[in-house]
PDB file of N, CA and C in Angstrom:
ATOM      1  N   MET A   1      41.947 -33.532 -51.696  1.00  0.00           N
ATOM      2  CA  MET A   1      40.822 -33.993 -52.207  1.00  0.00           C
ATOM      3  C   MET A   1      39.901 -35.000 -51.788  1.00  0.00           C
ATOM      4  N   ALA A   2      40.292 -35.527 -51.133  1.00  0.00           N
ATOM      5  CA  ALA A   2      38.559 -36.905 -50.595  1.00  0.00           C
ATOM      6  C   ALA A   2      38.164 -35.509 -50.026  1.00  0.00           C
ATOM      7  N   GLY A   3      36.501 -35.788 -50.519  1.00  0.00           N
ATOM      8  CA  GLY A   3      35.852 -35.234 -50.004  1.00  0.00           C
ATOM      9  C   GLY A   3      34.276 -34.943 -50.706  1.00  0.00           C
ATOM     10  N   GLU A   4      33.845 -34.575 -50.784  1.00  0.00           N
ATOM     11  CA  GLU A   4      32.496 -34.015 -51.050  1.00  0.00           C
ATOM     12  C   GLU A   4      32.534 -33.694 -52.141  1.00  0.00           C
ATOM     13  N   ASP A   5      33.417 -32.232 -52.444  1.00  0.00           N
ATOM     14  CA  ASP A   5      33.664 -31.645 -53.607  1.00  0.00           C
ATOM     15  C   ASP A   5      34.787 -32.412 -54.969  1.00  0.00           C
ATOM     16  N   ALA A   6      35.301 -33.048 -54.631  1.00  0.00           N
ATOM     17  CA  ALA A   6      35.875 -33.754 -55.339  1.00  0.00           C
ATOM     18  C   ALA A   6      35.155 -34.289 -57.020  1.00  0.00           C
ATOM     19  N   ILE A   7      36.233 -34.076 -58.187  1.00  0.00           N
ATOM     20  CA  ILE A   7      35.240 -34.187 -59.019  1.00  0.00           C
ATOM     21  C   ILE A   7      36.190 -35.743 -59.449  1.00  0.00           C
ATOM     22  N   GLU A   8      34.969 -36.929 -59.985  1.00  0.00           N
ATOM     23  CA  GLU A   8      35.956 -38.013 -60.261  1.00  0.00           C
ATOM     24  C   GLU A   8      35.788 -38.089 -62.129  1.00  0.00           C
ATOM     25  N   VAL A   9      36.538 -38.306 -62.708  1.00  0.00           N
ATOM     26  CA  VAL A   9      36.301 -38.433 -63.980  1.00  0.00           C
ATOM     27  C   VAL A   9      37.130 -39.263 -64.414  1.00  0.00           C
ATOM     28  N   GLU A  10      37.174 -40.065 -65.793  1.00  0.00           N
ATOM     29  CA  GLU A  10      38.091 -41.586 -66.635  1.00  0.00           C
ATOM     30  C   GLU A  10      38.522 -40.570 -67.544  1.00  0.00           C
ATOM     31  N   GLY A  11      40.137 -40.686 -67.811  1.00  0.00           N
ATOM     32  CA  GLY A  11      40.200 -40.099 -69.032  1.00  0.00           C
ATOM     33  C   GLY A  11      41.395 -41.304 -69.406  1.00  0.00           C
ATOM     34  N   ILE A  12      41.759 -41.057 -70.574  1.00  0.00           N
ATOM     35  CA  ILE A  12      42.546 -42.040 -71.740  1.00  0.00           C
ATOM     36  C   ILE A  12      43.923 -41.026 -71.401  1.00  0.00           C
ATOM     37  N   VAL A  13      45.078 -42.425 -71.311  1.00  0.00           N
ATOM     38  CA  VAL A  13      46.504 -41.881 -71.083  1.00  0.00           C
ATOM     39  C   VAL A  13      46.826 -41.297 -72.487  1.00  0.00           C
ATOM     40  N   THR A  14      47.697 -40.170 -72.696  1.00  0.00           N
ATOM     41  CA  THR A  14      47.619 -40.147 -73.812  1.00  0.00           C
ATOM     42  C   THR A  14      49.425 -39.811 -73.863  1.00  0.00           C
ATOM     43  N   GLU A  15      49.986 -39.279 -72.883  1.00  0.00           N
ATOM     44  CA  GLU A  15      51.402 -39.162 -72.512  1.00  0.00           C
ATOM     45  C   GLU A  15      52.435 -40.136 -71.102  1.00  0.00           C
ATOM     46  N   ARG A  16      52.883 -40.576 -71.186  1.00  0.00           N
ATOM     47  CA  ARG A  16      53.455 -41.544 -69.992  1.00  0.00           C
ATOM     48  C   ARG A  16      54.622 -40.196 -69.759  1.00  0.00           C
ATOM     49  N   LEU A  17      54.777 -39.701 -68.171  1.00  0.00           N
ATOM     50  CA  LEU A  17      55.684 -39.186 -68.478  1.00  0.00           C
ATOM     51  C   LEU A  17      56.495 -39.808 -67.140  1.00  0.00           C
ATOM     52  N   ALA A  18      57.818 -39.273 -66.333  1.00  0.00           N
ATOM     53  CA  ALA A  18      58.520 -39.976 -65.495  1.00  0.00           C
ATOM     54  C   ALA A  18      57.818 -39.178 -63.956  1.00  0.00           C
ATOM     55  N   ALA A  19      58.041 -40.338 -63.148  1.00  0.00           N
ATOM     56  CA  ALA A  19      57.724 -40.446 -61.508  1.00  0.00           C
ATOM     57  C   ALA A  19      56.370 -40.537 -61.246  1.00  0.00           C
ATOM     58  N   GLY A  20      55.936 -41.027 -62.263  1.00  0.00           N
ATOM     59  CA  GLY A  20      54.115 -41.412 -62.018  1.00  0.00           C
ATOM     60  C   GLY A  20      53.086 -40.202 -62.476  1.00  0.00           C
ATOM     61  N   LEU A  21      53.661 -39.473 -63.413  1.00  0.00           N
ATOM     62  CA  LEU A  21      53.174 -38.325 -63.904  1.00  0.00           C
ATOM     63  C   LEU A  21      52.334 -38.689 -65.600  1.00  0.00           C
ATOM     64  N   PHE A  22      51.191 -38.436 -65.429  1.00  0.00           N
ATOM     65  CA  PHE A  22      50.437 -39.109 -66.951  1.00  0.00           C
ATOM     66  C   PHE A  22      49.901 -37.550 -67.568  1.00  0.00           C
ATOM     67  N   HIS A  23      49.901 -37.396 -68.817  1.00  0.00           N
ATOM     68  CA  HIS A  23      48.736 -36.845 -69.908  1.00  0.00           C
ATOM     69  C   HIS A  23      47.832 -37.176 -69.943  1.00  0.00           C
ATOM     70  N   LEU A  24      46.210 -37.030 -69.594  1.00  0.00           N
ATOM     71  CA  LEU A  24      45.126 -37.487 -69.989  1.00  0.00           C
ATOM     72  C   LEU A  24      44.701 -36.903 -70.801  1.00  0.00           C
ATOM     73  N   LYS A  25      43.779 -37.637 -71.469  1.00  0.00           N
ATOM     74  CA  LYS A  25      42.710 -36.684 -72.148  1.00  0.00           C
ATOM     75  C   LYS A  25      41.178 -36.908 -71.872  1.00  0.00           C
ATOM     76  N   LEU A  26      40.497 -35.923 -71.326  1.00  0.00           N
ATOM     77  CA  LEU A  26      39.153 -36.212 -70.361  1.00  0.00           C
ATOM     78  C   LEU A  26      38.226 -36.430 -71.782  1.00  0.00           C
ATOM     79  N   PRO A  27      37.131 -36.656 -71.368  1.00  0.00           N
ATOM     80  CA  PRO A  27      36.119 -36.658 -72.689  1.00  0.00           C
ATOM     81  C   PRO A  27      35.548 -35.921 -72.848  1.00  0.00           C
ATOM     82  N   ASN A  28      36.066 -34.570 -72.339  1.00  0.00           N
ATOM     83  CA  ASN A  28      35.298 -33.457 -72.705  1.00  0.00           C
ATOM     84  C   ASN A  28      36.428 -32.901 -73.845  1.00  0.00           C
ATOM     85  N   GLY A  29      37.219 -33.330 -73.953  1.00  0.00           N
ATOM     86  CA  GLY A  29      38.791 -33.187 -75.117  1.00  0.00           C
ATOM     87  C   GLY A  29      40.056 -32.066 -73.943  1.00  0.00           C
ATOM     88  N   HIS A  30      39.324 -31.480 -72.750  1.00  0.00           N
ATOM     89  CA  HIS A  30      40.613 -31.099 -72.122  1.00  0.00           C
ATOM     90  C   HIS A  30      41.641 -31.948 -72.022  1.00  0.00           C
ATOM     91  N   THR A  31      42.641 -31.769 -71.896  1.00  0.00           N
ATOM     92  CA  THR A  31      44.157 -32.282 -71.575  1.00  0.00           C
ATOM     93  C   THR A  31      44.285 -32.245 -70.010  1.00  0.00           C
ATOM     94  N   ILE A  32      45.031 -32.967 -69.157  1.00  0.00           N
ATOM     95  CA  ILE A  32      45.536 -32.993 -68.027  1.00  0.00           C
ATOM     96  C   ILE A  32      46.652 -33.338 -67.449  1.00  0.00           C
ATOM     97  N   LEU A  33      47.565 -33.059 -66.226  1.00  0.00           N
ATOM     98  CA  LEU A  33      48.125 -33.435 -65.583  1.00  0.00           C
ATOM     99  C   LEU A  33      47.905 -34.334 -64.361  1.00  0.00           C
ATOM    100  N   ALA A  34      47.970 -35.943 -64.471  1.00  0.00           N
ATOM    101  CA  ALA A  34      47.853 -36.751 -63.254  1.00  0.00           C
ATOM    102  C   ALA A  34      48.823 -36.994 -62.410  1.00  0.00           C
ATOM    103  N   HIS A  35      48.613 -37.095 -61.396  1.00  0.00           N
ATOM    104  CA  HIS A  35      49.927 -37.357 -60.414  1.00  0.00           C
ATOM    105  C   HIS A  35      49.984 -38.989 -59.875  1.00  0.00           C
ATOM    106  N   THR A  36      50.459 -39.735 -59.551  1.00  0.00           N
ATOM    107  CA  THR A  36      49.971 -41.055 -58.854  1.00  0.00           C
ATOM    108  C   THR A  36      50.376 -40.766 -57.269  1.00  0.00           C
ATOM    109  N   PRO A  37      49.734 -41.534 -56.554  1.00  0.00           N
ATOM    110  CA  PRO A  37      49.894 -41.664 -55.018  1.00  0.00           C
ATOM    111  C   PRO A  37      51.018 -42.657 -54.561  1.00  0.00           C
ATOM    112  N   MET A  38      52.016 -42.587 -54.179  1.00  0.00           N
ATOM    113  CA  MET A  38      52.482 -44.111 -53.400  1.00  0.00           C
ATOM    114  C   MET A  38      51.993 -45.067 -53.550  1.00  0.00           C
ATOM    115  N   ARG A  39      50.751 -45.191 -53.272  1.00  0.00           N
ATOM    116  CA  ARG A  39      50.098 -46.457 -53.066  1.00  0.00           C
ATOM    117  C   ARG A  39      49.658 -47.106 -54.288  1.00  0.00           C
ATOM    118  N   LEU A  40      49.783 -46.362 -55.248  1.00  0.00           N
ATOM    119  CA  LEU A  40      49.276 -46.680 -56.403  1.00  0.00           C
ATOM    120  C   LEU A  40      50.287 -46.998 -57.386  1.00  0.00           C
ATOM    121  N   LEU A  41      51.354 -46.373 -56.856  1.00  0.00           N
ATOM    122  CA  LEU A  41      52.647 -46.557 -58.130  1.00  0.00           C
ATOM    123  C   LEU A  41      52.921 -47.785 -58.774  1.00  0.00           C
ATOM    124  N   GLU A  42      52.621 -48.968 -57.640  1.00  0.00           N
ATOM    125  CA  GLU A  42      53.107 -50.210 -58.621  1.00  0.00           C
ATOM    126  C   GLU A  42      51.859 -50.946 -59.199  1.00  0.00           C
ATOM    127  N   GLN A  43      50.622 -50.146 -59.511  1.00  0.00           N
ATOM    128  CA  GLN A  43      49.385 -50.535 -59.937  1.00  0.00           C
ATOM    129  C   GLN A  43      49.852 -49.738 -61.458  1.00  0.00           C
ATOM    130  N   VAL A  44      50.310 -48.679 -61.643  1.00  0.00           N
ATOM    131  CA  VAL A  44      50.013 -47.766 -63.036  1.00  0.00           C
ATOM    132  C   VAL A  44      51.290 -47.663 -63.458  1.00  0.00           C
ATOM    133  N   ARG A  45      52.363 -48.192 -62.634  1.00  0.00           N
ATOM    134  CA  ARG A  45      53.831 -48.632 -63.295  1.00  0.00           C
ATOM    135  C   ARG A  45      53.872 -49.383 -64.887  1.00  0.00           C
ATOM    136  N   GLU A  46      52.787 -49.983 -65.737  1.00  0.00           N
ATOM    137  CA  GLU A  46      52.660 -50.567 -66.309  1.00  0.00           C
ATOM    138  C   GLU A  46      51.533 -49.744 -67.604  1.00  0.00           C
ATOM    139  N   ALA A  47      51.229 -48.733 -66.803  1.00  0.00           N
ATOM    140  CA  ALA A  47      50.153 -48.595 -67.737  1.00  0.00           C
ATOM    141  C   ALA A  47      51.192 -47.622 -68.892  1.00  0.00           C
ATOM    142  N   VAL A  48      50.402 -47.274 -70.245  1.00  0.00           N
ATOM    143  CA  VAL A  48      50.697 -47.096 -71.432  1.00  0.00           C
ATOM    144  C   VAL A  48      49.586 -46.088 -72.323  1.00  0.00           C
ATOM    145  N   PRO A  49      50.114 -45.733 -73.168  1.00  0.00           N
ATOM    146  CA  PRO A  49      48.986 -44.299 -73.764  1.00  0.00           C
ATOM    147  C   PRO A  49      47.877 -45.299 -74.441  1.00  0.00           C
ATOM    148  N   GLY A  50      46.701 -45.003 -74.250  1.00  0.00           N
ATOM    149  CA  GLY A  50      45.621 -45.662 -74.264  1.00  0.00           C
ATOM    150  C   GLY A  50      44.502 -46.249 -73.455  1.00  0.00           C
ATOM    151  N   ASP A  51      45.557 -46.311 -72.092  1.00  0.00           N
ATOM    152  CA  ASP A  51      44.909 -47.371 -71.038  1.00  0.00           C
ATOM    153  C   ASP A  51      44.014 -46.072 -70.375  1.00  0.00           C
ATOM    154  N   ARG A  52      43.039 -46.447 -69.559  1.00  0.00           N
ATOM    155  CA  ARG A  52      42.105 -45.786 -68.918  1.00  0.00           C
ATOM    156  C   ARG A  52      42.244 -44.996 -67.738  1.00  0.00           C
ATOM    157  N   LEU A  53      42.479 -44.832 -67.017  1.00  0.00           N
ATOM    158  CA  LEU A  53      42.636 -43.555 -65.516  1.00  0.00           C
ATOM    159  C   LEU A  53      41.681 -43.350 -64.878  1.00  0.00           C
ATOM    160  N   THR A  54      41.593 -43.336 -64.037  1.00  0.00           N
ATOM    161  CA  THR A  54      39.587 -42.888 -62.940  1.00  0.00           C
ATOM    162  C   THR A  54      41.088 -41.897 -62.436  1.00  0.00           C
ATOM    163  N   VAL A  55      40.319 -40.076 -62.427  1.00  0.00           N
ATOM    164  CA  VAL A  55      41.212 -39.693 -61.647  1.00  0.00           C
ATOM    165  C   VAL A  55      40.182 -38.676 -60.885  1.00  0.00           C
ATOM    166  N   GLU A  56      40.581 -38.362 -59.577  1.00  0.00           N
ATOM    167  CA  GLU A  56      39.705 -37.296 -58.894  1.00  0.00           C
ATOM    168  C   GLU A  56      40.594 -35.759 -58.671  1.00  0.00           C
ATOM    169  N   MET A  57      39.685 -34.824 -59.306  1.00  0.00           N
ATOM    170  CA  MET A  57      40.169 -33.556 -59.430  1.00  0.00           C
ATOM    171  C   MET A  57      39.385 -32.702 -58.344  1.00  0.00           C
ATOM    172  N   THR A  58      40.060 -31.274 -58.231  1.00  0.00           N
ATOM    173  CA  THR A  58      39.441 -30.195 -57.567  1.00  0.00           C
ATOM    174  C   THR A  58      38.821 -29.391 -58.016  1.00  0.00           C
ATOM    175  N   PRO A  59      37.789 -28.752 -57.861  1.00  0.00           N
ATOM    176  CA  PRO A  59      36.741 -28.009 -58.780  1.00  0.00           C
ATOM    177  C   PRO A  59      37.375 -26.844 -58.692  1.00  0.00           C
ATOM    178  N   PHE A  60      38.616 -26.562 -57.733  1.00  0.00           N
ATOM    179  CA  PHE A  60      39.364 -25.216 -57.792  1.00  0.00           C
ATOM    180  C   PHE A  60      40.360 -25.080 -58.860  1.00  0.00           C
ATOM    181  N   ASP A  61      41.071 -26.499 -59.218  1.00  0.00           N
ATOM    182  CA  ASP A  61      42.119 -26.661 -60.143  1.00  0.00           C
ATOM    183  C   ASP A  61      41.551 -27.675 -61.145  1.00  0.00           C
ATOM    184  N   MET A  62      41.026 -26.997 -62.307  1.00  0.00           N
ATOM    185  CA  MET A  62      40.775 -28.263 -63.030  1.00  0.00           C
ATOM    186  C   MET A  62      41.962 -29.085 -64.210  1.00  0.00           C
ATOM    187  N   SER A  63      43.189 -28.484 -64.140  1.00  0.00           N
ATOM    188  CA  SER A  63      44.356 -28.971 -64.860  1.00  0.00           C
ATOM    189  C   SER A  63      45.085 -29.677 -64.614  1.00  0.00           C
ATOM    190  N   LYS A  64      44.602 -30.413 -62.883  1.00  0.00           N
ATOM    191  CA  LYS A  64      45.225 -31.417 -62.245  1.00  0.00           C
ATOM    192  C   LYS A  64      44.497 -32.101 -61.950  1.00  0.00           C
ATOM    193  N   GLY A  65      45.063 -33.245 -61.500  1.00  0.00           N
ATOM    194  CA  GLY A  65      44.179 -34.835 -60.834  1.00  0.00           C
ATOM    195  C   GLY A  65      45.077 -35.214 -60.238  1.00  0.00           C
ATOM    196  N   ARG A  66      44.463 -36.250 -59.547  1.00  0.00           N
ATOM    197  CA  ARG A  66      45.421 -37.640 -58.701  1.00  0.00           C
ATOM    198  C   ARG A  66      44.300 -38.960 -59.004  1.00  0.00           C
ATOM    199  N   VAL A  67      45.512 -39.681 -59.419  1.00  0.00           N
ATOM    200  CA  VAL A  67      44.975 -41.009 -60.319  1.00  0.00           C
ATOM    201  C   VAL A  67      44.332 -42.010 -58.971  1.00  0.00           C
ATOM    202  N   LYS A  68      43.383 -42.447 -58.852  1.00  0.00           N
ATOM    203  CA  LYS A  68      42.322 -43.192 -58.477  1.00  0.00           C
ATOM    204  C   LYS A  68      42.785 -44.733 -58.427  1.00  0.00           C
ATOM    205  N   SER A  69      42.562 -44.619 -59.781  1.00  0.00           N
ATOM    206  CA  SER A  69      42.061 -46.466 -60.114  1.00  0.00           C
ATOM    207  C   SER A  69      43.122 -46.193 -62.100  1.00  0.00           C
ATOM    208  N   ILE A  70      43.271 -47.729 -62.202  1.00  0.00           N
ATOM    209  CA  ILE A  70      43.611 -47.711 -63.716  1.00  0.00           C
ATOM    210  C   ILE A  70      42.939 -48.797 -64.160  1.00  0.00           C
ATOM    211  N   ARG A  71      42.564 -49.127 -65.616  1.00  0.00           N
ATOM    212  CA  ARG A  71      41.884 -49.968 -66.319  1.00  0.00           C
ATOM    213  C   ARG A  71      42.721 -50.114 -67.518  1.00  0.00           C
ATOM    214  N   LYS A  72      43.021 -51.233 -67.761  1.00  0.00           N
ATOM    215  CA  LYS A  72      44.082 -51.757 -69.372  1.00  0.00           C
ATOM    216  C   LYS A  72      43.210 -52.142 -69.917  1.00  0.00           C
ATOM    217  N   ILE A  73      43.417 -51.635 -71.430  1.00  0.00           N
ATOM    218  CA  ILE A  73      42.800 -51.954 -72.636  1.00  0.00           C
ATOM    219  C   ILE A  73      43.235 -52.781 -73.071  1.00  0.00           C
TER     220      ILE A  73
END
């Protein structure tokens, strides 16, 4: 997904799932499933509902994304 066509957006964690997966609510009201790459697992381990995650999405599938960074509340 890294490249010029990637869309970067910030979402709020609504639910934390197993294995580095999160449900995020985007500013436009949509909910997506975001996964965490291995290099960021330690950073997002303490992510709780209400935290903000920056995700990168492809324009081909806007229902999924990859976590880029975390911002604690």
